PDB file of N, CA and C in Angstrom:
ATOM      1  N   MET A   1      99.129 155.550 125.567  1.00  0.00           N
ATOM      2  CA  MET A   1     100.285 155.124 124.816  1.00  0.00           C
ATOM      3  C   MET A   1     100.549 153.622 125.004  1.00  0.00           C
ATOM      4  N   ALA A   2     100.410 153.151 126.251  1.00  0.00           N
ATOM      5  CA  ALA A   2     100.646 151.743 126.543  1.00  0.00           C
ATOM      6  C   ALA A   2      99.642 150.866 125.793  1.00  0.00           C
ATOM      7  N   CYS A   3      98.405 151.374 125.665  1.00  0.00           N
ATOM      8  CA  CYS A   3      97.369 150.639 124.938  1.00  0.00           C
ATOM      9  C   CYS A   3      97.753 150.478 123.472  1.00  0.00           C
ATOM     10  N   LEU A   4      98.306 151.495 122.877  1.00  0.00           N
ATOM     11  CA  LEU A   4      98.731 151.464 121.482  1.00  0.00           C
ATOM     12  C   LEU A   4      99.855 150.455 121.285  1.00  0.00           C
ATOM     13  N   ILE A   5     100.796 150.431 122.192  1.00  0.00           N
ATOM     14  CA  ILE A   5     101.911 149.488 122.098  1.00  0.00           C
ATOM     15  C   ILE A   5     101.405 148.056 122.270  1.00  0.00           C
ATOM     16  N   LEU A   6     100.507 147.852 123.227  1.00  0.00           N
ATOM     17  CA  LEU A   6      99.947 146.526 123.456  1.00  0.00           C
ATOM     18  C   LEU A   6      99.148 146.042 122.247  1.00  0.00           C
ATOM     19  N   THR A   7      98.346 146.914 121.646  1.00  0.00           N
ATOM     20  CA  THR A   7      97.549 146.563 120.470  1.00  0.00           C
ATOM     21  C   THR A   7      98.443 146.204 119.295  1.00  0.00           C
ATOM     22  N   SER A   8      99.501 146.977 119.066  1.00  0.00           N
ATOM     23  CA  SER A   8     100.403 146.680 117.946  1.00  0.00           C
ATOM     24  C   SER A   8     101.174 145.383 118.194  1.00  0.00           C
ATOM     25  N   ALA A   9     101.508 145.085 119.451  1.00  0.00           N
ATOM     26  CA  ALA A   9     102.196 143.842 119.761  1.00  0.00           C
ATOM     27  C   ALA A   9     101.282 142.640 119.512  1.00  0.00           C
ATOM     28  N   VAL A  10     100.016 142.769 119.886  1.00  0.00           N
ATOM     29  CA  VAL A  10      99.048 141.687 119.647  1.00  0.00           C
ATOM     30  C   VAL A  10      98.840 141.508 118.146  1.00  0.00           C
ATOM     31  N   ALA A  11      98.715 142.582 117.392  1.00  0.00           N
ATOM     32  CA  ALA A  11      98.530 142.498 115.938  1.00  0.00           C
ATOM     33  C   ALA A  11      99.745 141.862 115.274  1.00  0.00           C
ATOM     34  N   ALA A  12     100.945 142.247 115.712  1.00  0.00           N
ATOM     35  CA  ALA A  12     102.168 141.656 115.143  1.00  0.00           C
ATOM     36  C   ALA A  12     102.228 140.163 115.466  1.00  0.00           C
ATOM     37  N   GLY A  13     101.852 139.796 116.668  1.00  0.00           N
ATOM     38  CA  GLY A  13     101.842 138.388 117.052  1.00  0.00           C
ATOM     39  C   GLY A  13     100.856 137.585 116.222  1.00  0.00           C
ATOM     40  N   MET A  14      99.678 138.141 115.984  1.00  0.00           N
ATOM     41  CA  MET A  14      98.676 137.463 115.166  1.00  0.00           C
ATOM     42  C   MET A  14      99.170 137.294 113.732  1.00  0.00           C
ATOM     43  N   TYR A  15      99.804 138.327 113.190  1.00  0.00           N
ATOM     44  CA  TYR A  15     100.342 138.253 111.830  1.00  0.00           C
ATOM     45  C   TYR A  15     101.418 137.172 111.738  1.00  0.00           C
ATOM     46  N   LEU A  16     102.327 137.147 112.692  1.00  0.00           N
ATOM     47  CA  LEU A  16     103.393 136.150 112.681  1.00  0.00           C
ATOM     48  C   LEU A  16     102.834 134.741 112.835  1.00  0.00           C
ATOM     49  N   PHE A  17     101.823 134.573 113.650  1.00  0.00           N
ATOM     50  CA  PHE A  17     101.189 133.265 113.815  1.00  0.00           C
ATOM     51  C   PHE A  17     100.559 132.810 112.507  1.00  0.00           C
ATOM     52  N   ARG A  18      99.829 133.703 111.831  1.00  0.00           N
ATOM     53  CA  ARG A  18      99.183 133.355 110.566  1.00  0.00           C
ATOM     54  C   ARG A  18     100.227 133.019 109.503  1.00  0.00           C
ATOM     55  N   THR A  19     101.287 133.799 109.423  1.00  0.00           N
ATOM     56  CA  THR A  19     102.347 133.549 108.449  1.00  0.00           C
ATOM     57  C   THR A  19     103.011 132.206 108.716  1.00  0.00           C
ATOM     58  N   GLY A  20     103.303 131.937 109.977  1.00  0.00           N
ATOM     59  CA  GLY A  20     103.905 130.651 110.331  1.00  0.00           C
ATOM     60  C   GLY A  20     102.989 129.491 110.007  1.00  0.00           C
ATOM     61  N   PHE A  21     101.701 129.644 110.267  1.00  0.00           N
ATOM     62  CA  PHE A  21     100.738 128.593 109.969  1.00  0.00           C
ATOM     63  C   PHE A  21     100.658 128.352 108.463  1.00  0.00           C
ATOM     64  N   ASP A  22     100.662 129.419 107.663  1.00  0.00           N
ATOM     65  CA  ASP A  22     100.622 129.267 106.203  1.00  0.00           C
ATOM     66  C   ASP A  22     101.851 128.509 105.689  1.00  0.00           C
ATOM     67  N   HIS A  23     103.020 128.862 106.206  1.00  0.00           N
ATOM     68  CA  HIS A  23     104.248 128.179 105.784  1.00  0.00           C
ATOM     69  C   HIS A  23     104.237 126.709 106.219  1.00  0.00           C
ATOM     70  N   LEU A  24     103.743 126.439 107.410  1.00  0.00           N
ATOM     71  CA  LEU A  24     103.656 125.074 107.889  1.00  0.00           C
ATOM     72  C   LEU A  24     102.680 124.258 107.038  1.00  0.00           C
ATOM     73  N   ASP A  25     101.562 124.854 106.656  1.00  0.00           N
ATOM     74  CA  ASP A  25     100.583 124.174 105.809  1.00  0.00           C
ATOM     75  C   ASP A  25     101.180 123.871 104.433  1.00  0.00           C
ATOM     76  N   ARG A  26     101.897 124.826 103.849  1.00  0.00           N
ATOM     77  CA  ARG A  26     102.534 124.587 102.548  1.00  0.00           C
ATOM     78  C   ARG A  26     103.584 123.484 102.632  1.00  0.00           C
ATOM     79  N   ALA A  27     104.346 123.461 103.720  1.00  0.00           N
ATOM     80  CA  ALA A  27     105.349 122.410 103.900  1.00  0.00           C
ATOM     81  C   ALA A  27     104.675 121.046 104.043  1.00  0.00           C
ATOM     82  N   ASN A  28     103.561 120.993 104.759  1.00  0.00           N
ATOM     83  CA  ASN A  28     102.824 119.741 104.920  1.00  0.00           C
ATOM     84  C   ASN A  28     102.291 119.249 103.580  1.00  0.00           C
ATOM     85  N   ILE A  29     101.726 120.140 102.783  1.00  0.00           N
ATOM     86  CA  ILE A  29     101.201 119.771 101.464  1.00  0.00           C
ATOM     87  C   ILE A  29     102.329 119.241 100.580  1.00  0.00           C
ATOM     88  N   SER A  30     103.461 119.925 100.598  1.00  0.00           N
ATOM     89  CA  SER A  30     104.608 119.493  99.798  1.00  0.00           C
ATOM     90  C   SER A  30     105.112 118.128 100.247  1.00  0.00           C
ATOM     91  N   ASN A  31     105.121 117.880 101.543  1.00  0.00           N
ATOM     92  CA  ASN A  31     105.559 116.579 102.057  1.00  0.00           C
ATOM     93  C   ASN A  31     104.612 115.462 101.649  1.00  0.00           C
ATOM     94  N   VAL A  32     103.310 115.718 101.673  1.00  0.00           N
ATOM     95  CA  VAL A  32     102.343 114.695 101.271  1.00  0.00           C
ATOM     96  C   VAL A  32     102.509 114.367  99.794  1.00  0.00           C
ATOM     97  N   VAL A  33     102.644 115.391  98.952  1.00  0.00           N
ATOM     98  CA  VAL A  33     102.814 115.158  97.512  1.00  0.00           C
ATOM     99  C   VAL A  33     104.107 114.381  97.256  1.00  0.00           C
ATOM    100  N   SER A  34     105.184 114.753  97.940  1.00  0.00           N
ATOM    101  CA  SER A  34     106.465 114.053  97.757  1.00  0.00           C
ATOM    102  C   SER A  34     106.396 112.613  98.242  1.00  0.00           C
ATOM    103  N   SER A  35     105.668 112.376  99.314  1.00  0.00           N
ATOM    104  CA  SER A  35     105.584 111.008  99.838  1.00  0.00           C
ATOM    105  C   SER A  35     104.757 110.098  98.936  1.00  0.00           C
ATOM    106  N   LYS A  36     103.921 110.655  98.096  1.00  0.00           N
ATOM    107  CA  LYS A  36     103.080 109.864  97.190  1.00  0.00           C
ATOM    108  C   LYS A  36     103.793 109.515  95.887  1.00  0.00           C
ATOM    109  N   LEU A  37     104.955 110.114  95.624  1.00  0.00           N
ATOM    110  CA  LEU A  37     105.648 109.876  94.355  1.00  0.00           C
ATOM    111  C   LEU A  37     106.047 108.412  94.153  1.00  0.00           C
ATOM    112  N   PRO A  38     106.669 107.724  95.140  1.00  0.00           N
ATOM    113  CA  PRO A  38     106.978 106.303  94.902  1.00  0.00           C
ATOM    114  C   PRO A  38     105.727 105.461  94.662  1.00  0.00           C
ATOM    115  N   GLN A  39     104.660 105.762  95.359  1.00  0.00           N
ATOM    116  CA  GLN A  39     103.396 105.043  95.166  1.00  0.00           C
ATOM    117  C   GLN A  39     102.856 105.314  93.760  1.00  0.00           C
ATOM    118  N   ALA A  40     102.970 106.553  93.290  1.00  0.00           N
ATOM    119  CA  ALA A  40     102.490 106.906  91.949  1.00  0.00           C
ATOM    120  C   ALA A  40     103.274 106.166  90.870  1.00  0.00           C
ATOM    121  N   ILE A  41     104.575 106.026  91.055  1.00  0.00           N
ATOM    122  CA  ILE A  41     105.391 105.299  90.078  1.00  0.00           C
ATOM    123  C   ILE A  41     104.970 103.836  90.038  1.00  0.00           C
ATOM    124  N   ASN A  42     104.684 103.253  91.194  1.00  0.00           N
ATOM    125  CA  ASN A  42     104.215 101.863  91.224  1.00  0.00           C
ATOM    126  C   ASN A  42     102.854 101.712  90.561  1.00  0.00           C
ATOM    127  N   VAL A  43     101.983 102.707  90.711  1.00  0.00           N
ATOM    128  CA  VAL A  43     100.677 102.670  90.035  1.00  0.00           C
ATOM    129  C   VAL A  43     100.872 102.701  88.525  1.00  0.00           C
ATOM    130  N   ILE A  44     101.776 103.547  88.046  1.00  0.00           N
ATOM    131  CA  ILE A  44     102.060 103.625  86.605  1.00  0.00           C
ATOM    132  C   ILE A  44     102.615 102.296  86.108  1.00  0.00           C
ATOM    133  N   ARG A  45     103.525 101.681  86.875  1.00  0.00           N
ATOM    134  CA  ARG A  45     104.092 100.389  86.484  1.00  0.00           C
ATOM    135  C   ARG A  45     103.014  99.318  86.350  1.00  0.00           C
ATOM    136  N   ALA A  46     102.013  99.355  87.223  1.00  0.00           N
ATOM    137  CA  ALA A  46     100.962  98.339  87.220  1.00  0.00           C
ATOM    138  C   ALA A  46      99.817  98.655  86.266  1.00  0.00           C
ATOM    139  N   SER A  47      99.749  99.868  85.761  1.00  0.00           N
ATOM    140  CA  SER A  47      98.625 100.280  84.909  1.00  0.00           C
ATOM    141  C   SER A  47      98.765  99.751  83.489  1.00  0.00           C
ATOM    142  N   ASP A  48      97.626  99.597  82.851  1.00  0.00           N
ATOM    143  CA  ASP A  48      97.589  99.251  81.433  1.00  0.00           C
ATOM    144  C   ASP A  48      97.747 100.548  80.657  1.00  0.00           C
ATOM    145  N   LEU A  49      98.938 100.790  80.137  1.00  0.00           N
ATOM    146  CA  LEU A  49      99.204 102.054  79.445  1.00  0.00           C
ATOM    147  C   LEU A  49      98.506 102.125  78.094  1.00  0.00           C
ATOM    148  N   GLY A  50      97.960 101.019  77.638  1.00  0.00           N
ATOM    149  CA  GLY A  50      97.188 101.018  76.400  1.00  0.00           C
ATOM    150  C   GLY A  50      95.889 101.802  76.528  1.00  0.00           C
ATOM    151  N   THR A  51      95.430 102.033  77.771  1.00  0.00           N
ATOM    152  CA  THR A  51      94.213 102.823  77.962  1.00  0.00           C
ATOM    153  C   THR A  51      94.459 104.309  77.756  1.00  0.00           C
ATOM    154  N   ARG A  52      95.707 104.708  77.669  1.00  0.00           N
ATOM    155  CA  ARG A  52      96.163 106.069  77.338  1.00  0.00           C
ATOM    156  C   ARG A  52      96.057 107.099  78.458  1.00  0.00           C
ATOM    157  N   SER A  53      95.114 106.978  79.411  1.00  0.00           N
ATOM    158  CA  SER A  53      95.038 107.956  80.498  1.00  0.00           C
ATOM    159  C   SER A  53      94.233 107.382  81.643  1.00  0.00           C
ATOM    160  N   GLY A  54      94.362 108.034  82.792  1.00  0.00           N
ATOM    161  CA  GLY A  54      93.606 107.575  83.945  1.00  0.00           C
ATOM    162  C   GLY A  54      93.746 108.517  85.120  1.00  0.00           C
ATOM    163  N   ILE A  55      92.867 108.358  86.076  1.00  0.00           N
ATOM    164  CA  ILE A  55      92.897 109.112  87.331  1.00  0.00           C
ATOM    165  C   ILE A  55      92.812 108.092  88.457  1.00  0.00           C
ATOM    166  N   GLU A  56      93.731 108.183  89.400  1.00  0.00           N
ATOM    167  CA  GLU A  56      93.781 107.241  90.513  1.00  0.00           C
ATOM    168  C   GLU A  56      93.732 108.005  91.831  1.00  0.00           C
ATOM    169  N   ASP A  57      93.020 107.451  92.808  1.00  0.00           N
ATOM    170  CA  ASP A  57      93.014 108.002  94.159  1.00  0.00           C
ATOM    171  C   ASP A  57      94.203 107.402  94.893  1.00  0.00           C
ATOM    172  N   MET A  58      95.081 108.262  95.416  1.00  0.00           N
ATOM    173  CA  MET A  58      96.297 107.809  96.079  1.00  0.00           C
ATOM    174  C   MET A  58      96.154 107.744  97.599  1.00  0.00           C
ATOM    175  N   GLY A  59      94.987 108.078  98.118  1.00  0.00           N
ATOM    176  CA  GLY A  59      94.790 108.097  99.557  1.00  0.00           C
ATOM    177  C   GLY A  59      95.191 109.437 100.150  1.00  0.00           C
ATOM    178  N   ASP A  60      94.721 109.724 101.338  1.00  0.00           N
ATOM    179  CA  ASP A  60      95.008 110.984 102.046  1.00  0.00           C
ATOM    180  C   ASP A  60      94.547 112.208 101.278  1.00  0.00           C
ATOM    181  N   GLY A  61      93.617 112.047 100.342  1.00  0.00           N
ATOM    182  CA  GLY A  61      93.123 113.183  99.567  1.00  0.00           C
ATOM    183  C   GLY A  61      93.972 113.524  98.356  1.00  0.00           C
ATOM    184  N   ALA A  62      94.992 112.726  98.058  1.00  0.00           N
ATOM    185  CA  ALA A  62      95.856 112.966  96.901  1.00  0.00           C
ATOM    186  C   ALA A  62      95.331 112.193  95.693  1.00  0.00           C
ATOM    187  N   THR A  63      95.470 112.783  94.516  1.00  0.00           N
ATOM    188  CA  THR A  63      95.059 112.112  93.278  1.00  0.00           C
ATOM    189  C   THR A  63      96.200 112.126  92.273  1.00  0.00           C
ATOM    190  N   LEU A  64      96.194 111.124  91.425  1.00  0.00           N
ATOM    191  CA  LEU A  64      97.175 110.995  90.357  1.00  0.00           C
ATOM    192  C   LEU A  64      96.432 111.006  89.040  1.00  0.00           C
ATOM    193  N   GLU A  65      96.783 111.936  88.166  1.00  0.00           N
ATOM    194  CA  GLU A  65      96.263 111.964  86.797  1.00  0.00           C
ATOM    195  C   GLU A  65      97.431 111.632  85.884  1.00  0.00           C
ATOM    196  N   TRP A  66      97.213 110.738  84.923  1.00  0.00           N
ATOM    197  CA  TRP A  66      98.291 110.375  84.020  1.00  0.00           C
ATOM    198  C   TRP A  66      97.775 110.215  82.604  1.00  0.00           C
ATOM    199  N   ALA A  67      98.679 110.424  81.663  1.00  0.00           N
ATOM    200  CA  ALA A  67      98.382 110.223  80.240  1.00  0.00           C
ATOM    201  C   ALA A  67      99.620 109.625  79.589  1.00  0.00           C
ATOM    202  N   ALA A  68      99.418 108.581  78.796  1.00  0.00           N
ATOM    203  CA  ALA A  68     100.527 107.880  78.156  1.00  0.00           C
ATOM    204  C   ALA A  68     100.428 108.016  76.641  1.00  0.00           C
ATOM    205  N   THR A  69     101.575 108.205  76.013  1.00  0.00           N
ATOM    206  CA  THR A  69     101.652 108.212  74.553  1.00  0.00           C
ATOM    207  C   THR A  69     102.757 107.237  74.141  1.00  0.00           C
ATOM    208  N   VAL A  70     102.534 106.541  73.042  1.00  0.00           N
ATOM    209  CA  VAL A  70     103.530 105.597  72.545  1.00  0.00           C
ATOM    210  C   VAL A  70     104.577 106.388  71.774  1.00  0.00           C
ATOM    211  N   LEU A  71     105.829 106.276  72.229  1.00  0.00           N
ATOM    212  CA  LEU A  71     106.921 106.916  71.504  1.00  0.00           C
ATOM    213  C   LEU A  71     107.386 106.047  70.344  1.00  0.00           C
ATOM    214  N   ASP A  72     107.446 104.728  70.589  1.00  0.00           N
ATOM    215  CA  ASP A  72     107.890 103.814  69.543  1.00  0.00           C
ATOM    216  C   ASP A  72     107.465 102.388  69.905  1.00  0.00           C
ATOM    217  N   SER A  73     107.291 101.569  68.899  1.00  0.00           N
ATOM    218  CA  SER A  73     107.033 100.144  69.124  1.00  0.00           C
ATOM    219  C   SER A  73     107.780  99.370  68.060  1.00  0.00           C
ATOM    220  N   VAL A  74     108.202  98.181  68.447  1.00  0.00           N
ATOM    221  CA  VAL A  74     108.978  97.350  67.534  1.00  0.00           C
ATOM    222  C   VAL A  74     108.612  95.888  67.788  1.00  0.00           C
ATOM    223  N   LYS A  75     108.573  95.093  66.712  1.00  0.00           N
ATOM    224  CA  LYS A  75     108.350  93.649  66.860  1.00  0.00           C
ATOM    225  C   LYS A  75     109.707  92.985  66.822  1.00  0.00           C
ATOM    226  N   GLN A  76     109.931  92.117  67.813  1.00  0.00           N
ATOM    227  CA  GLN A  76     111.247  91.514  67.983  1.00  0.00           C
ATOM    228  C   GLN A  76     111.181  90.013  67.771  1.00  0.00           C
ATOM    229  N   GLY A  77     112.054  89.503  66.952  1.00  0.00           N
ATOM    230  CA  GLY A  77     112.180  88.069  66.723  1.00  0.00           C
ATOM    231  C   GLY A  77     113.562  87.791  66.175  1.00  0.00           C
ATOM    232  N   GLY A  78     113.872  86.534  65.925  1.00  0.00           N
ATOM    233  CA  GLY A  78     115.175  86.185  65.377  1.00  0.00           C
ATOM    234  C   GLY A  78     115.179  86.330  63.861  1.00  0.00           C
ATOM    235  N   ALA A  79     116.342  86.134  63.260  1.00  0.00           N
ATOM    236  CA  ALA A  79     116.465  86.221  61.807  1.00  0.00           C
ATOM    237  C   ALA A  79     115.684  85.076  61.166  1.00  0.00           C
ATOM    238  N   GLY A  80     114.732  85.392  60.339  1.00  0.00           N
ATOM    239  CA  GLY A  80     113.919  84.389  59.659  1.00  0.00           C
ATOM    240  C   GLY A  80     112.875  83.743  60.554  1.00  0.00           C
ATOM    241  N   ALA A  81     112.782  84.170  61.800  1.00  0.00           N
ATOM    242  CA  ALA A  81     111.825  83.585  62.742  1.00  0.00           C
ATOM    243  C   ALA A  81     110.641  84.531  62.916  1.00  0.00           C
ATOM    244  N   PRO A  82     109.510  83.974  63.342  1.00  0.00           N
ATOM    245  CA  PRO A  82     108.363  84.854  63.593  1.00  0.00           C
ATOM    246  C   PRO A  82     108.638  85.797  64.769  1.00  0.00           C
ATOM    247  N   ASN A  83     107.932  86.880  64.786  1.00  0.00           N
ATOM    248  CA  ASN A  83     108.092  87.853  65.867  1.00  0.00           C
ATOM    249  C   ASN A  83     107.518  87.283  67.163  1.00  0.00           C
ATOM    250  N   MET A  84     108.356  87.219  68.197  1.00  0.00           N
ATOM    251  CA  MET A  84     107.907  86.683  69.477  1.00  0.00           C
ATOM    252  C   MET A  84     107.383  87.768  70.407  1.00  0.00           C
ATOM    253  N   TYR A  85     107.922  88.962  70.300  1.00  0.00           N
ATOM    254  CA  TYR A  85     107.566  90.031  71.229  1.00  0.00           C
ATOM    255  C   TYR A  85     107.287  91.317  70.475  1.00  0.00           C
ATOM    256  N   GLU A  86     106.421  92.102  71.048  1.00  0.00           N
ATOM    257  CA  GLU A  86     106.231  93.465  70.585  1.00  0.00           C
ATOM    258  C   GLU A  86     106.656  94.356  71.749  1.00  0.00           C
ATOM    259  N   ILE A  87     107.589  95.261  71.499  1.00  0.00           N
ATOM    260  CA  ILE A  87     108.166  96.104  72.543  1.00  0.00           C
ATOM    261  C   ILE A  87     107.660  97.528  72.346  1.00  0.00           C
ATOM    262  N   PHE A  88     107.245  98.160  73.446  1.00  0.00           N
ATOM    263  CA  PHE A  88     106.697  99.513  73.400  1.00  0.00           C
ATOM    264  C   PHE A  88     107.514 100.436  74.310  1.00  0.00           C
ATOM    265  N   LEU A  89     107.673 101.649  73.881  1.00  0.00           N
ATOM    266  CA  LEU A  89     108.246 102.698  74.728  1.00  0.00           C
ATOM    267  C   LEU A  89     107.191 103.788  74.863  1.00  0.00           C
ATOM    268  N   TYR A  90     106.743 104.014  76.091  1.00  0.00           N
ATOM    269  CA  TYR A  90     105.715 105.011  76.380  1.00  0.00           C
ATOM    270  C   TYR A  90     106.331 106.222  77.070  1.00  0.00           C
ATOM    271  N   LYS A  91     105.791 107.382  76.784  1.00  0.00           N
ATOM    272  CA  LYS A  91     106.091 108.578  77.570  1.00  0.00           C
ATOM    273  C   LYS A  91     104.844 108.832  78.408  1.00  0.00           C
ATOM    274  N   VAL A  92     105.016 108.858  79.723  1.00  0.00           N
ATOM    275  CA  VAL A  92     103.895 109.035  80.637  1.00  0.00           C
ATOM    276  C   VAL A  92     104.030 110.381  81.320  1.00  0.00           C
ATOM    277  N   HIS A  93     103.015 111.208  81.161  1.00  0.00           N
ATOM    278  CA  HIS A  93     102.945 112.489  81.863  1.00  0.00           C
ATOM    279  C   HIS A  93     102.003 112.295  83.042  1.00  0.00           C
ATOM    280  N   MET A  94     102.499 112.569  84.252  1.00  0.00           N
ATOM    281  CA  MET A  94     101.643 112.380  85.419  1.00  0.00           C
ATOM    282  C   MET A  94     101.642 113.621  86.283  1.00  0.00           C
ATOM    283  N   LYS A  95     100.504 113.823  86.952  1.00  0.00           N
ATOM    284  CA  LYS A  95     100.332 114.984  87.819  1.00  0.00           C
ATOM    285  C   LYS A  95      99.769 114.519  89.152  1.00  0.00           C
ATOM    286  N   LEU A  96     100.531 114.771  90.221  1.00  0.00           N
ATOM    287  CA  LEU A  96     100.091 114.473  91.586  1.00  0.00           C
ATOM    288  C   LEU A  96      99.481 115.728  92.173  1.00  0.00           C
ATOM    289  N   THR A  97      98.270 115.623  92.720  1.00  0.00           N
ATOM    290  CA  THR A  97      97.563 116.784  93.265  1.00  0.00           C
ATOM    291  C   THR A  97      97.109 116.498  94.688  1.00  0.00           C
ATOM    292  N   TYR A  98      97.319 117.501  95.563  1.00  0.00           N
ATOM    293  CA  TYR A  98      96.846 117.430  96.943  1.00  0.00           C
ATOM    294  C   TYR A  98      96.525 118.845  97.399  1.00  0.00           C
ATOM    295  N   LYS A  99      95.293 119.082  97.790  1.00  0.00           N
ATOM    296  CA  LYS A  99      94.843 120.393  98.271  1.00  0.00           C
ATOM    297  C   LYS A  99      95.262 121.541  97.349  1.00  0.00           C
ATOM    298  N   LYS A 100      94.929 121.416  96.083  1.00  0.00           N
ATOM    299  CA  LYS A 100      95.185 122.437  95.059  1.00  0.00           C
ATOM    300  C   LYS A 100      96.663 122.656  94.749  1.00  0.00           C
ATOM    301  N   LYS A 101      97.544 121.879  95.327  1.00  0.00           N
ATOM    302  CA  LYS A 101      98.970 121.931  95.010  1.00  0.00           C
ATOM    303  C   LYS A 101      99.278 120.716  94.151  1.00  0.00           C
ATOM    304  N   SER A 102      99.914 120.932  93.017  1.00  0.00           N
ATOM    305  CA  SER A 102     100.208 119.796  92.150  1.00  0.00           C
ATOM    306  C   SER A 102     101.640 119.875  91.645  1.00  0.00           C
ATOM    307  N   ARG A 103     102.166 118.708  91.356  1.00  0.00           N
ATOM    308  CA  ARG A 103     103.489 118.584  90.746  1.00  0.00           C
ATOM    309  C   ARG A 103     103.349 117.685  89.535  1.00  0.00           C
ATOM    310  N   GLU A 104     104.056 118.045  88.477  1.00  0.00           N
ATOM    311  CA  GLU A 104     103.981 117.284  87.234  1.00  0.00           C
ATOM    312  C   GLU A 104     105.318 116.616  86.951  1.00  0.00           C
ATOM    313  N   TYR A 105     105.242 115.394  86.437  1.00  0.00           N
ATOM    314  CA  TYR A 105     106.423 114.607  86.130  1.00  0.00           C
ATOM    315  C   TYR A 105     106.226 113.924  84.787  1.00  0.00           C
ATOM    316  N   ASP A 106     107.333 113.627  84.109  1.00  0.00           N
ATOM    317  CA  ASP A 106     107.326 112.836  82.879  1.00  0.00           C
ATOM    318  C   ASP A 106     108.252 111.641  83.075  1.00  0.00           C
ATOM    319  N   LEU A 107     107.803 110.460  82.662  1.00  0.00           N
ATOM    320  CA  LEU A 107     108.644 109.268  82.727  1.00  0.00           C
ATOM    321  C   LEU A 107     108.558 108.517  81.411  1.00  0.00           C
ATOM    322  N   ASN A 108     109.604 107.758  81.130  1.00  0.00           N
ATOM    323  CA  ASN A 108     109.590 106.839  80.004  1.00  0.00           C
ATOM    324  C   ASN A 108     109.438 105.437  80.570  1.00  0.00           C
ATOM    325  N   VAL A 109     108.520 104.656  79.998  1.00  0.00           N
ATOM    326  CA  VAL A 109     108.215 103.316  80.501  1.00  0.00           C
ATOM    327  C   VAL A 109     108.326 102.324  79.358  1.00  0.00           C
ATOM    328  N   PHE A 110     109.076 101.238  79.600  1.00  0.00           N
ATOM    329  CA  PHE A 110     109.204 100.136  78.652  1.00  0.00           C
ATOM    330  C   PHE A 110     108.160  99.084  78.967  1.00  0.00           C
ATOM    331  N   ARG A 111     107.509  98.554  77.944  1.00  0.00           N
ATOM    332  CA  ARG A 111     106.577  97.434  78.094  1.00  0.00           C
ATOM    333  C   ARG A 111     106.812  96.469  76.940  1.00  0.00           C
ATOM    334  N   TYR A 112     106.471  95.222  77.159  1.00  0.00           N
ATOM    335  CA  TYR A 112     106.526  94.252  76.067  1.00  0.00           C
ATOM    336  C   TYR A 112     105.307  93.345  76.142  1.00  0.00           C
ATOM    337  N   ARG A 113     105.007  92.734  75.005  1.00  0.00           N
ATOM    338  CA  ARG A 113     103.878  91.814  74.911  1.00  0.00           C
ATOM    339  C   ARG A 113     104.328  90.631  74.047  1.00  0.00           C
ATOM    340  N   ARG A 114     104.044  89.433  74.522  1.00  0.00           N
ATOM    341  CA  ARG A 114     104.389  88.234  73.766  1.00  0.00           C
ATOM    342  C   ARG A 114     103.401  88.098  72.614  1.00  0.00           C
ATOM    343  N   THR A 115     103.922  87.897  71.406  1.00  0.00           N
ATOM    344  CA  THR A 115     103.055  87.744  70.242  1.00  0.00           C
ATOM    345  C   THR A 115     103.168  86.361  69.625  1.00  0.00           C
ATOM    346  N   GLY A 116     104.210  85.633  69.972  1.00  0.00           N
ATOM    347  CA  GLY A 116     104.402  84.288  69.413  1.00  0.00           C
ATOM    348  C   GLY A 116     104.759  83.326  70.533  1.00  0.00           C
ATOM    349  N   SER A 117     104.903  82.075  70.174  1.00  0.00           N
ATOM    350  CA  SER A 117     105.271  81.069  71.165  1.00  0.00           C
ATOM    351  C   SER A 117     106.762  80.737  71.031  1.00  0.00           C
ATOM    352  N   PRO A 118     107.398  80.308  72.120  1.00  0.00           N
ATOM    353  CA  PRO A 118     108.813  79.930  72.045  1.00  0.00           C
ATOM    354  C   PRO A 118     109.055  78.762  71.087  1.00  0.00           C
ATOM    355  N   GLU A 119     108.070  77.870  70.946  1.00  0.00           N
ATOM    356  CA  GLU A 119     108.231  76.740  70.036  1.00  0.00           C
ATOM    357  C   GLU A 119     108.335  77.218  68.590  1.00  0.00           C
ATOM    358  N   ALA A 120     107.507  78.204  68.233  1.00  0.00           N
ATOM    359  CA  ALA A 120     107.569  78.748  66.874  1.00  0.00           C
ATOM    360  C   ALA A 120     108.900  79.430  66.631  1.00  0.00           C
ATOM    361  N   PHE A 121     109.438  80.059  67.678  1.00  0.00           N
ATOM    362  CA  PHE A 121     110.728  80.744  67.556  1.00  0.00           C
ATOM    363  C   PHE A 121     111.846  79.715  67.364  1.00  0.00           C
ATOM    364  N   ALA A 122     111.785  78.612  68.124  1.00  0.00           N
ATOM    365  CA  ALA A 122     112.817  77.576  68.033  1.00  0.00           C
ATOM    366  C   ALA A 122     112.743  76.859  66.696  1.00  0.00           C
ATOM    367  N   ALA A 123     111.534  76.686  66.172  1.00  0.00           N
ATOM    368  CA  ALA A 123     111.347  75.972  64.905  1.00  0.00           C
ATOM    369  C   ALA A 123     111.771  76.831  63.721  1.00  0.00           C
ATOM    370  N   GLY A 124     111.691  78.163  63.903  1.00  0.00           N
ATOM    371  CA  GLY A 124     111.987  79.072  62.802  1.00  0.00           C
ATOM    372  C   GLY A 124     113.420  79.138  62.524  1.00  0.00           C
TER     373      GLY A 124
END
């Protein structure tokens, strides 16, 4: 009888250890993915969104996949003046992945591009 109790206690201990380890591993994965989010936003800010998509290595085994679509673009200038800027609004869908765990986010990003010179704007 004592052997049966000892065996069940060891089995219960092993089960609890495995369960605790699984939960700890999931928490670690979630923490790594969350810690990469500010870095991922900076990568998106620095990326050329005109390329429409990309995959970046974020370090520590984490990867960032992103895809950008233009929501709207407008050419901006003064009344009767040439257009000095072209303004773009992008919707960026990004996915952070680490050890088969991924989180998806959507952001809106403003970009502009100079199309004219300030002298032409002042002369216009």
